[in-house]
Amino acid sequence: MRCGTKYFDVEIDAENINQIMTVPARSPAEARKLVRQKCGSDVQILTVREKNRR
């Protein structure tokens, strides 16, 4: 892991199915970028929220 990394819950709509992925990233923009790289650019990203570490 890199310095300053947080976990984000990214809710995506892939083929009319809502899924939540947990992504390690430094910012919400980077989390979106990583999801697009994994799932393809045609995936619709609904929300990006910082995950609480408890």
PDB file of N, CA and C in Angstrom:
ATOM      1  N   MET A   1       0.837  -1.180   0.000  1.00  0.00           N
ATOM      2  CA  MET A   1       0.000   0.000   0.000  1.00  0.00           C
ATOM      3  C   MET A   1       0.881   1.243   0.000  1.00  0.00           C
ATOM      4  N   ARG A   2       0.316   2.287  -0.546  1.00  0.00           N
ATOM      5  CA  ARG A   2       1.043   3.545  -0.618  1.00  0.00           C
ATOM      6  C   ARG A   2       0.639   4.442   0.544  1.00  0.00           C
ATOM      7  N   CYS A   3       1.443   5.419   0.802  1.00  0.00           N
ATOM      8  CA  CYS A   3       1.167   6.374   1.866  1.00  0.00           C
ATOM      9  C   CYS A   3      -0.088   7.181   1.530  1.00  0.00           C
ATOM     10  N   GLY A   4      -0.982   7.325   2.489  1.00  0.00           N
ATOM     11  CA  GLY A   4      -2.202   8.103   2.276  1.00  0.00           C
ATOM     12  C   GLY A   4      -3.336   7.329   1.639  1.00  0.00           C
ATOM     13  N   THR A   5      -3.205   6.021   1.549  1.00  0.00           N
ATOM     14  CA  THR A   5      -4.233   5.210   0.915  1.00  0.00           C
ATOM     15  C   THR A   5      -5.403   4.983   1.870  1.00  0.00           C
ATOM     16  N   LYS A   6      -6.610   5.133   1.343  1.00  0.00           N
ATOM     17  CA  LYS A   6      -7.850   4.872   2.080  1.00  0.00           C
ATOM     18  C   LYS A   6      -8.636   3.829   1.298  1.00  0.00           C
ATOM     19  N   TYR A   7      -9.711   3.341   1.888  1.00  0.00           N
ATOM     20  CA  TYR A   7     -10.585   2.405   1.202  1.00  0.00           C
ATOM     21  C   TYR A   7     -11.883   3.112   0.840  1.00  0.00           C
ATOM     22  N   PHE A   8     -12.346   2.867  -0.378  1.00  0.00           N
ATOM     23  CA  PHE A   8     -13.579   3.468  -0.868  1.00  0.00           C
ATOM     24  C   PHE A   8     -14.531   2.373  -1.311  1.00  0.00           C
ATOM     25  N   ASP A   9     -15.817   2.530  -0.982  1.00  0.00           N
ATOM     26  CA  ASP A   9     -16.865   1.663  -1.495  1.00  0.00           C
ATOM     27  C   ASP A   9     -17.419   2.322  -2.746  1.00  0.00           C
ATOM     28  N   VAL A  10     -17.297   1.639  -3.867  1.00  0.00           N
ATOM     29  CA  VAL A  10     -17.750   2.163  -5.150  1.00  0.00           C
ATOM     30  C   VAL A  10     -18.950   1.340  -5.592  1.00  0.00           C
ATOM     31  N   GLU A  11     -20.087   1.995  -5.759  1.00  0.00           N
ATOM     32  CA  GLU A  11     -21.302   1.326  -6.210  1.00  0.00           C
ATOM     33  C   GLU A  11     -21.393   1.486  -7.720  1.00  0.00           C
ATOM     34  N   ILE A  12     -21.451   0.341  -8.425  1.00  0.00           N
ATOM     35  CA  ILE A  12     -21.501   0.374  -9.876  1.00  0.00           C
ATOM     36  C   ILE A  12     -22.745  -0.323 -10.375  1.00  0.00           C
ATOM     37  N   ASP A  13     -23.158   0.044 -11.572  1.00  0.00           N
ATOM     38  CA  ASP A  13     -24.296  -0.577 -12.244  1.00  0.00           C
ATOM     39  C   ASP A  13     -23.750  -1.288 -13.472  1.00  0.00           C
ATOM     40  N   ALA A  14     -23.560  -2.586 -13.356  1.00  0.00           N
ATOM     41  CA  ALA A  14     -23.032  -3.388 -14.456  1.00  0.00           C
ATOM     42  C   ALA A  14     -24.128  -4.326 -14.940  1.00  0.00           C
ATOM     43  N   GLU A  15     -24.589  -4.109 -16.155  1.00  0.00           N
ATOM     44  CA  GLU A  15     -25.620  -4.955 -16.772  1.00  0.00           C
ATOM     45  C   GLU A  15     -26.877  -5.015 -15.911  1.00  0.00           C
ATOM     46  N   ASN A  16     -27.330  -3.856 -15.444  1.00  0.00           N
ATOM     47  CA  ASN A  16     -28.547  -3.704 -14.638  1.00  0.00           C
ATOM     48  C   ASN A  16     -28.473  -4.424 -13.289  1.00  0.00           C
ATOM     49  N   ILE A  17     -27.273  -4.646 -12.788  1.00  0.00           N
ATOM     50  CA  ILE A  17     -27.079  -5.245 -11.464  1.00  0.00           C
ATOM     51  C   ILE A  17     -26.202  -4.302 -10.653  1.00  0.00           C
ATOM     52  N   ASN A  18     -26.685  -3.867  -9.497  1.00  0.00           N
ATOM     53  CA  ASN A  18     -25.893  -2.984  -8.635  1.00  0.00           C
ATOM     54  C   ASN A  18     -24.915  -3.817  -7.820  1.00  0.00           C
ATOM     55  N   GLN A  19     -23.658  -3.411  -7.849  1.00  0.00           N
ATOM     56  CA  GLN A  19     -22.620  -4.090  -7.091  1.00  0.00           C
ATOM     57  C   GLN A  19     -21.827  -3.050  -6.315  1.00  0.00           C
ATOM     58  N   ILE A  20     -21.248  -3.463  -5.195  1.00  0.00           N
ATOM     59  CA  ILE A  20     -20.386  -2.587  -4.412  1.00  0.00           C
ATOM     60  C   ILE A  20     -19.005  -3.225  -4.365  1.00  0.00           C
ATOM     61  N   MET A  21     -18.009  -2.450  -4.807  1.00  0.00           N
ATOM     62  CA  MET A  21     -16.620  -2.898  -4.786  1.00  0.00           C
ATOM     63  C   MET A  21     -15.856  -2.066  -3.766  1.00  0.00           C
ATOM     64  N   THR A  22     -14.947  -2.675  -3.042  1.00  0.00           N
ATOM     65  CA  THR A  22     -14.067  -1.953  -2.129  1.00  0.00           C
ATOM     66  C   THR A  22     -12.722  -1.792  -2.821  1.00  0.00           C
ATOM     67  N   VAL A  23     -12.297  -0.523  -2.959  1.00  0.00           N
ATOM     68  CA  VAL A  23     -11.101  -0.207  -3.729  1.00  0.00           C
ATOM     69  C   VAL A  23     -10.130   0.589  -2.863  1.00  0.00           C
ATOM     70  N   PRO A  24      -8.850   0.195  -2.789  1.00  0.00           N
ATOM     71  CA  PRO A  24      -7.853   1.017  -2.092  1.00  0.00           C
ATOM     72  C   PRO A  24      -7.344   2.110  -3.027  1.00  0.00           C
ATOM     73  N   ALA A  25      -7.500   3.370  -2.615  1.00  0.00           N
ATOM     74  CA  ALA A  25      -7.067   4.501  -3.440  1.00  0.00           C
ATOM     75  C   ALA A  25      -6.792   5.692  -2.538  1.00  0.00           C
ATOM     76  N   ARG A  26      -6.148   6.711  -3.100  1.00  0.00           N
ATOM     77  CA  ARG A  26      -5.852   7.925  -2.339  1.00  0.00           C
ATOM     78  C   ARG A  26      -6.986   8.933  -2.378  1.00  0.00           C
ATOM     79  N   SER A  27      -7.787   8.921  -3.446  1.00  0.00           N
ATOM     80  CA  SER A  27      -8.865   9.891  -3.591  1.00  0.00           C
ATOM     81  C   SER A  27     -10.045   9.233  -4.294  1.00  0.00           C
ATOM     82  N   PRO A  28     -11.229   9.859  -4.220  1.00  0.00           N
ATOM     83  CA  PRO A  28     -12.380   9.310  -4.943  1.00  0.00           C
ATOM     84  C   PRO A  28     -12.158   9.249  -6.454  1.00  0.00           C
ATOM     85  N   ALA A  29     -11.441  10.223  -7.006  1.00  0.00           N
ATOM     86  CA  ALA A  29     -11.166  10.215  -8.443  1.00  0.00           C
ATOM     87  C   ALA A  29     -10.288   9.025  -8.834  1.00  0.00           C
ATOM     88  N   GLU A  30      -9.308   8.717  -7.998  1.00  0.00           N
ATOM     89  CA  GLU A  30      -8.453   7.570  -8.269  1.00  0.00           C
ATOM     90  C   GLU A  30      -9.232   6.267  -8.128  1.00  0.00           C
ATOM     91  N   ALA A  31     -10.171   6.210  -7.190  1.00  0.00           N
ATOM     92  CA  ALA A  31     -11.012   5.020  -7.027  1.00  0.00           C
ATOM     93  C   ALA A  31     -11.853   4.790  -8.286  1.00  0.00           C
ATOM     94  N   ARG A  32     -12.419   5.857  -8.840  1.00  0.00           N
ATOM     95  CA  ARG A  32     -13.185   5.739 -10.089  1.00  0.00           C
ATOM     96  C   ARG A  32     -12.304   5.232 -11.228  1.00  0.00           C
ATOM     97  N   LYS A  33     -11.084   5.763 -11.298  1.00  0.00           N
ATOM     98  CA  LYS A  33     -10.152   5.375 -12.340  1.00  0.00           C
ATOM     99  C   LYS A  33      -9.814   3.890 -12.253  1.00  0.00           C
ATOM    100  N   LEU A  34      -9.572   3.388 -11.042  1.00  0.00           N
ATOM    101  CA  LEU A  34      -9.238   1.976 -10.858  1.00  0.00           C
ATOM    102  C   LEU A  34     -10.402   1.068 -11.228  1.00  0.00           C
ATOM    103  N   VAL A  35     -11.632   1.486 -10.897  1.00  0.00           N
ATOM    104  CA  VAL A  35     -12.810   0.681 -11.239  1.00  0.00           C
ATOM    105  C   VAL A  35     -12.977   0.621 -12.751  1.00  0.00           C
ATOM    106  N   ARG A  36     -12.769   1.745 -13.430  1.00  0.00           N
ATOM    107  CA  ARG A  36     -12.883   1.753 -14.895  1.00  0.00           C
ATOM    108  C   ARG A  36     -11.819   0.865 -15.541  1.00  0.00           C
ATOM    109  N   GLN A  37     -10.625   0.804 -14.949  1.00  0.00           N
ATOM    110  CA  GLN A  37      -9.580  -0.057 -15.488  1.00  0.00           C
ATOM    111  C   GLN A  37      -9.922  -1.529 -15.308  1.00  0.00           C
ATOM    112  N   LYS A  38     -10.533  -1.882 -14.165  1.00  0.00           N
ATOM    113  CA  LYS A  38     -10.880  -3.278 -13.892  1.00  0.00           C
ATOM    114  C   LYS A  38     -12.095  -3.749 -14.667  1.00  0.00           C
ATOM    115  N   CYS A  39     -13.157  -2.911 -14.694  1.00  0.00           N
ATOM    116  CA  CYS A  39     -14.445  -3.343 -15.221  1.00  0.00           C
ATOM    117  C   CYS A  39     -14.754  -2.825 -16.622  1.00  0.00           C
ATOM    118  N   GLY A  40     -13.935  -1.943 -17.148  1.00  0.00           N
ATOM    119  CA  GLY A  40     -14.184  -1.381 -18.468  1.00  0.00           C
ATOM    120  C   GLY A  40     -14.804   0.002 -18.366  1.00  0.00           C
ATOM    121  N   SER A  41     -14.686   0.754 -19.433  1.00  0.00           N
ATOM    122  CA  SER A  41     -15.152   2.142 -19.414  1.00  0.00           C
ATOM    123  C   SER A  41     -16.665   2.254 -19.572  1.00  0.00           C
ATOM    124  N   ASP A  42     -17.348   1.172 -19.933  1.00  0.00           N
ATOM    125  CA  ASP A  42     -18.798   1.224 -20.120  1.00  0.00           C
ATOM    126  C   ASP A  42     -19.583   1.043 -18.829  1.00  0.00           C
ATOM    127  N   VAL A  43     -18.915   0.792 -17.707  1.00  0.00           N
ATOM    128  CA  VAL A  43     -19.573   0.615 -16.413  1.00  0.00           C
ATOM    129  C   VAL A  43     -20.011   1.979 -15.879  1.00  0.00           C
ATOM    130  N   GLN A  44     -21.237   2.037 -15.395  1.00  0.00           N
ATOM    131  CA  GLN A  44     -21.744   3.279 -14.813  1.00  0.00           C
ATOM    132  C   GLN A  44     -21.468   3.281 -13.312  1.00  0.00           C
ATOM    133  N   ILE A  45     -20.743   4.298 -12.840  1.00  0.00           N
ATOM    134  CA  ILE A  45     -20.408   4.434 -11.421  1.00  0.00           C
ATOM    135  C   ILE A  45     -21.471   5.302 -10.767  1.00  0.00           C
ATOM    136  N   LEU A  46     -22.148   4.754  -9.752  1.00  0.00           N
ATOM    137  CA  LEU A  46     -23.246   5.466  -9.106  1.00  0.00           C
ATOM    138  C   LEU A  46     -22.758   6.321  -7.943  1.00  0.00           C
ATOM    139  N   THR A  47     -22.014   5.742  -7.008  1.00  0.00           N
ATOM    140  CA  THR A  47     -21.512   6.490  -5.858  1.00  0.00           C
ATOM    141  C   THR A  47     -20.106   6.027  -5.489  1.00  0.00           C
ATOM    142  N   VAL A  48     -19.366   6.937  -4.871  1.00  0.00           N
ATOM    143  CA  VAL A  48     -18.049   6.623  -4.306  1.00  0.00           C
ATOM    144  C   VAL A  48     -18.041   7.199  -2.897  1.00  0.00           C
ATOM    145  N   ARG A  49     -17.898   6.321  -1.904  1.00  0.00           N
ATOM    146  CA  ARG A  49     -17.915   6.754  -0.503  1.00  0.00           C
ATOM    147  C   ARG A  49     -16.715   6.183   0.219  1.00  0.00           C
ATOM    148  N   GLU A  50     -16.149   6.998   1.122  1.00  0.00           N
ATOM    149  CA  GLU A  50     -15.020   6.542   1.923  1.00  0.00           C
ATOM    150  C   GLU A  50     -15.516   5.536   2.938  1.00  0.00           C
ATOM    151  N   LYS A  51     -14.799   4.423   3.051  1.00  0.00           N
ATOM    152  CA  LYS A  51     -15.187   3.367   3.983  1.00  0.00           C
ATOM    153  C   LYS A  51     -14.593   3.663   5.344  1.00  0.00           C
ATOM    154  N   ASN A  52     -15.398   3.530   6.376  1.00  0.00           N
ATOM    155  CA  ASN A  52     -14.919   3.747   7.741  1.00  0.00           C
ATOM    156  C   ASN A  52     -14.163   2.511   8.209  1.00  0.00           C
ATOM    157  N   ARG A  53     -13.016   2.744   8.809  1.00  0.00           N
ATOM    158  CA  ARG A  53     -12.218   1.628   9.329  1.00  0.00           C
ATOM    159  C   ARG A  53     -12.490   1.483  10.810  1.00  0.00           C
ATOM    160  N   ARG A  54     -13.325   0.559  11.159  1.00  0.00           N
ATOM    161  CA  ARG A  54     -13.667   0.310  12.574  1.00  0.00           C
ATOM    162  C   ARG A  54     -13.486  -1.124  12.893  1.00  0.00           C
TER     163      ARG A  54
END
